[in-house]
Amino acid sequence: MSHYRRAYVMGGSFFFTLVTERRAPIFRSPIARTCLGTALRDCQKRWPFRLDALVLLDDHLHAMWTLPDGDTDYSMRWGFIKKEFTKAWLLADGIEQPRSKSRVQQRRRGVWQRRFWEHTLRDENDYARHFDYLHYNPVKHGYVEQVRDWPYSTFHRWVKQGVYDVDWGGQSHDALAFDDLDATAME
């Protein structure tokens, strides 16, 4: 049996990857995006955290959060978000993937992969590299040629705040390399 170890740092910043069950492209749906936004906001009201960055692709998402001082419980928050999203998605006639007999017995739905990937951001450089990786992801996956052309990303918020230039990370630049990151685990 696998033993999953999570790093819990009080008030820490974290990078997350969550994937849909069998990589179903549910985030193509405006209804799915709305359900996720609602679940995130509801979670933040109950258990505050700062949503530093987010990108939604068809079948997965990347997020960066910073928790309040003295708080380590991102797992509980993601559990809530996944549960609330799943309820709303299925009520809106969203499709789920076929479930095995054991999944049905465990009351698990066919919307999300069971686990998620997390990385504790160690320092400012690690934070900045993951921040860039997250925002560049739609270009990496071939959805768009310019980061600015992907609408489901906090990139646009950070352009307005002067963190990024609107032309950052496009095809006119050399391809950005993230070889220093464990990118295979993030996909």
Protein backbone atom coordinates (compact mmCIF):
# COMPACT_ATOMS: atom_id res chain seq x y z
CA MET A 1 0.00 0.00 0.00
CA SER A 2 1.26 3.47 -0.85
CA HIS A 3 1.95 5.92 1.92
CA TYR A 4 1.22 9.50 0.95
CA ARG A 5 3.13 12.11 2.83
CA ARG A 6 2.04 15.67 2.75
CA ALA A 7 4.05 18.61 4.00
CA TYR A 8 2.00 20.79 6.28
CA VAL A 9 3.57 24.20 6.90
CA MET A 10 1.59 26.64 9.02
CA GLY A 11 0.71 29.68 6.96
CA GLY A 12 2.63 28.22 4.02
CA SER A 13 2.21 28.64 0.29
CA PHE A 14 1.46 25.60 -1.84
CA PHE A 15 1.18 24.59 -5.47
CA PHE A 16 -1.57 22.07 -6.34
CA THR A 17 -2.62 19.97 -9.30
CA LEU A 18 -6.07 18.36 -9.40
CA VAL A 19 -7.15 16.12 -12.26
CA THR A 20 -10.58 15.00 -13.38
CA GLU A 21 -11.44 11.31 -13.37
CA ARG A 22 -10.02 9.63 -16.49
CA ARG A 23 -9.02 13.11 -17.64
CA ALA A 24 -12.57 13.91 -18.70
CA PRO A 25 -12.61 17.42 -20.27
CA ILE A 26 -15.32 18.76 -17.96
CA PHE A 27 -13.83 22.25 -17.61
CA ARG A 28 -14.73 22.95 -21.24
CA SER A 29 -18.20 23.48 -19.82
CA PRO A 30 -19.14 26.96 -18.56
CA ILE A 31 -21.34 25.20 -15.99
CA ALA A 32 -18.31 23.33 -14.60
CA ARG A 33 -16.30 26.54 -14.38
CA THR A 34 -19.17 28.23 -12.54
CA CYS A 35 -19.56 25.29 -10.13
CA LEU A 36 -15.84 25.39 -9.37
CA GLY A 37 -15.84 29.14 -8.78
CA THR A 38 -18.76 28.82 -6.39
CA ALA A 39 -17.12 25.96 -4.49
CA LEU A 40 -13.86 27.90 -4.17
CA ARG A 41 -15.61 31.04 -2.88
CA ASP A 42 -17.75 29.03 -0.44
CA CYS A 43 -14.64 27.33 0.90
CA GLN A 44 -12.83 30.65 1.33
CA LYS A 45 -15.76 32.01 3.34
CA ARG A 46 -15.65 29.05 5.74
CA TRP A 47 -11.90 28.52 5.88
CA PRO A 48 -10.03 31.57 4.54
CA PHE A 49 -6.99 31.24 2.29
CA ARG A 50 -5.42 33.46 -0.33
CA LEU A 51 -5.85 32.21 -3.88
CA ASP A 52 -2.58 33.41 -5.40
CA ALA A 53 -2.96 31.84 -8.85
CA LEU A 54 -5.24 29.49 -10.75
CA VAL A 55 -5.45 28.04 -14.24
CA LEU A 56 -8.19 25.75 -15.54
CA LEU A 57 -7.46 23.45 -18.45
CA ASP A 58 -9.95 21.01 -19.96
CA ASP A 59 -9.12 18.11 -17.62
CA HIS A 60 -7.07 19.52 -14.75
CA LEU A 61 -6.29 22.62 -12.79
CA HIS A 62 -3.29 24.15 -11.09
CA ALA A 63 -3.62 26.44 -8.12
CA MET A 64 -1.39 28.27 -5.68
CA TRP A 65 -2.65 29.10 -2.22
CA THR A 66 -1.28 30.76 0.87
CA LEU A 67 -2.88 29.68 4.13
CA PRO A 68 -3.41 31.93 7.15
CA ASP A 69 -0.82 31.95 9.92
CA GLY A 70 -1.26 28.93 12.16
CA ASP A 71 -3.27 26.98 9.56
CA THR A 72 -2.11 23.88 7.67
CA ASP A 73 -5.31 22.24 6.46
CA TYR A 74 -5.37 22.51 2.69
CA SER A 75 -6.50 18.86 2.41
CA MET A 76 -9.77 19.60 4.19
CA ARG A 77 -10.33 22.61 1.93
CA TRP A 78 -9.73 20.62 -1.26
CA GLY A 79 -12.01 17.86 0.04
CA PHE A 80 -14.77 20.42 0.57
CA ILE A 81 -14.22 22.02 -2.86
CA LYS A 82 -14.25 18.69 -4.67
CA LYS A 83 -17.36 17.52 -2.80
CA GLU A 84 -19.31 20.76 -3.37
CA PHE A 85 -18.24 20.95 -6.99
CA THR A 86 -19.30 17.34 -7.58
CA LYS A 87 -22.72 17.88 -6.01
CA ALA A 88 -23.38 21.02 -8.08
CA TRP A 89 -21.97 19.50 -11.28
CA LEU A 90 -24.12 16.38 -11.02
CA LEU A 91 -27.22 18.42 -10.12
CA ALA A 92 -26.60 20.42 -13.31
CA ASP A 93 -26.62 17.13 -15.28
CA GLY A 94 -22.85 17.08 -15.59
CA ILE A 95 -21.39 13.79 -16.75
CA GLU A 96 -19.36 11.53 -14.51
CA GLN A 97 -17.10 8.68 -15.51
CA PRO A 98 -18.24 5.07 -14.98
CA ARG A 99 -17.71 3.83 -11.43
CA SER A 100 -16.53 0.42 -10.32
CA LYS A 101 -18.47 -1.59 -7.77
CA SER A 102 -15.92 -0.65 -5.07
CA ARG A 103 -16.26 3.06 -5.94
CA VAL A 104 -20.01 2.81 -5.58
CA GLN A 105 -19.63 1.00 -2.23
CA GLN A 106 -17.21 3.71 -1.05
CA ARG A 107 -19.65 6.39 -2.21
CA ARG A 108 -17.04 7.87 -4.56
CA ARG A 109 -18.23 9.65 -7.67
CA GLY A 110 -16.60 9.57 -11.10
CA VAL A 111 -15.74 13.26 -11.34
CA TRP A 112 -12.28 13.75 -9.77
CA GLN A 113 -9.24 11.59 -9.41
CA ARG A 114 -9.09 10.52 -5.79
CA ARG A 115 -5.95 12.35 -4.77
CA PHE A 116 -4.23 15.59 -5.69
CA TRP A 117 -0.62 16.61 -6.07
CA GLU A 118 0.82 19.25 -3.77
CA HIS A 119 4.17 20.97 -3.50
CA THR A 120 5.21 23.18 -0.60
CA LEU A 121 6.73 26.35 -1.99
CA ARG A 122 10.09 26.65 -0.24
CA ASP A 123 11.19 30.19 -1.00
CA GLU A 124 10.56 33.19 -3.26
CA ASN A 125 12.34 31.61 -6.23
CA ASP A 126 10.35 28.36 -5.92
CA TYR A 127 7.16 30.42 -5.64
CA ALA A 128 8.03 32.48 -8.73
CA ARG A 129 8.94 29.42 -10.84
CA HIS A 130 5.65 27.65 -10.01
CA PHE A 131 3.71 30.91 -10.53
CA ASP A 132 5.17 31.17 -14.04
CA TYR A 133 4.68 27.45 -14.74
CA LEU A 134 1.02 27.67 -13.78
CA HIS A 135 0.33 30.66 -16.02
CA TYR A 136 2.31 29.22 -18.96
CA ASN A 137 0.48 25.88 -18.81
CA PRO A 138 -2.11 26.63 -21.55
CA VAL A 139 0.75 27.37 -23.99
CA LYS A 140 2.65 24.26 -22.88
CA HIS A 141 -0.40 22.09 -23.60
CA GLY A 142 -1.02 23.74 -26.97
CA TYR A 143 -4.36 25.35 -26.13
CA VAL A 144 -3.11 28.80 -27.18
CA GLU A 145 0.02 30.41 -28.60
CA GLN A 146 -0.03 33.37 -26.20
CA VAL A 147 -0.66 33.14 -22.45
CA ARG A 148 -2.91 36.20 -22.72
CA ASP A 149 -5.28 34.28 -25.02
CA TRP A 150 -6.32 31.73 -22.37
CA PRO A 151 -9.30 33.16 -20.48
CA TYR A 152 -9.40 30.71 -17.55
CA SER A 153 -6.39 31.95 -15.67
CA THR A 154 -5.40 34.50 -13.05
CA PHE A 155 -2.78 35.74 -15.55
CA HIS A 156 -5.15 38.57 -16.50
CA ARG A 157 -5.44 39.73 -12.87
CA TRP A 158 -1.64 39.82 -12.57
CA VAL A 159 -1.29 41.78 -15.84
CA LYS A 160 -3.67 44.43 -14.43
CA GLN A 161 -1.56 44.58 -11.27
CA GLY A 162 1.66 45.00 -13.27
CA VAL A 163 3.21 41.65 -12.34
CA TYR A 164 3.24 40.39 -15.92
CA ASP A 165 3.52 42.19 -19.24
CA VAL A 166 0.55 41.27 -21.45
CA ASP A 167 2.94 39.64 -23.97
CA TRP A 168 4.75 37.49 -21.40
CA GLY A 169 5.17 33.81 -22.26
CA GLY A 170 3.99 33.82 -25.85
CA GLN A 171 5.37 32.09 -28.90
CA SER A 172 7.35 35.22 -29.77
CA HIS A 173 9.51 34.43 -26.73
CA ASP A 174 11.81 31.46 -26.60
CA ALA A 175 9.94 28.48 -25.16
CA LEU A 176 10.02 28.72 -21.41
CA ALA A 177 11.84 25.86 -19.75
CA PHE A 178 10.77 24.48 -16.40
CA ASP A 179 13.30 21.67 -16.24
CA ASP A 180 14.07 22.55 -12.63
CA LEU A 181 10.52 21.70 -11.58
CA ASP A 182 9.08 18.21 -11.15
CA ALA A 183 6.67 18.91 -14.01
CA THR A 184 5.89 15.24 -14.69
CA ALA A 185 4.24 14.97 -11.28
CA MET A 186 2.21 18.11 -11.97
CA GLU A 187 0.47 16.86 -15.08
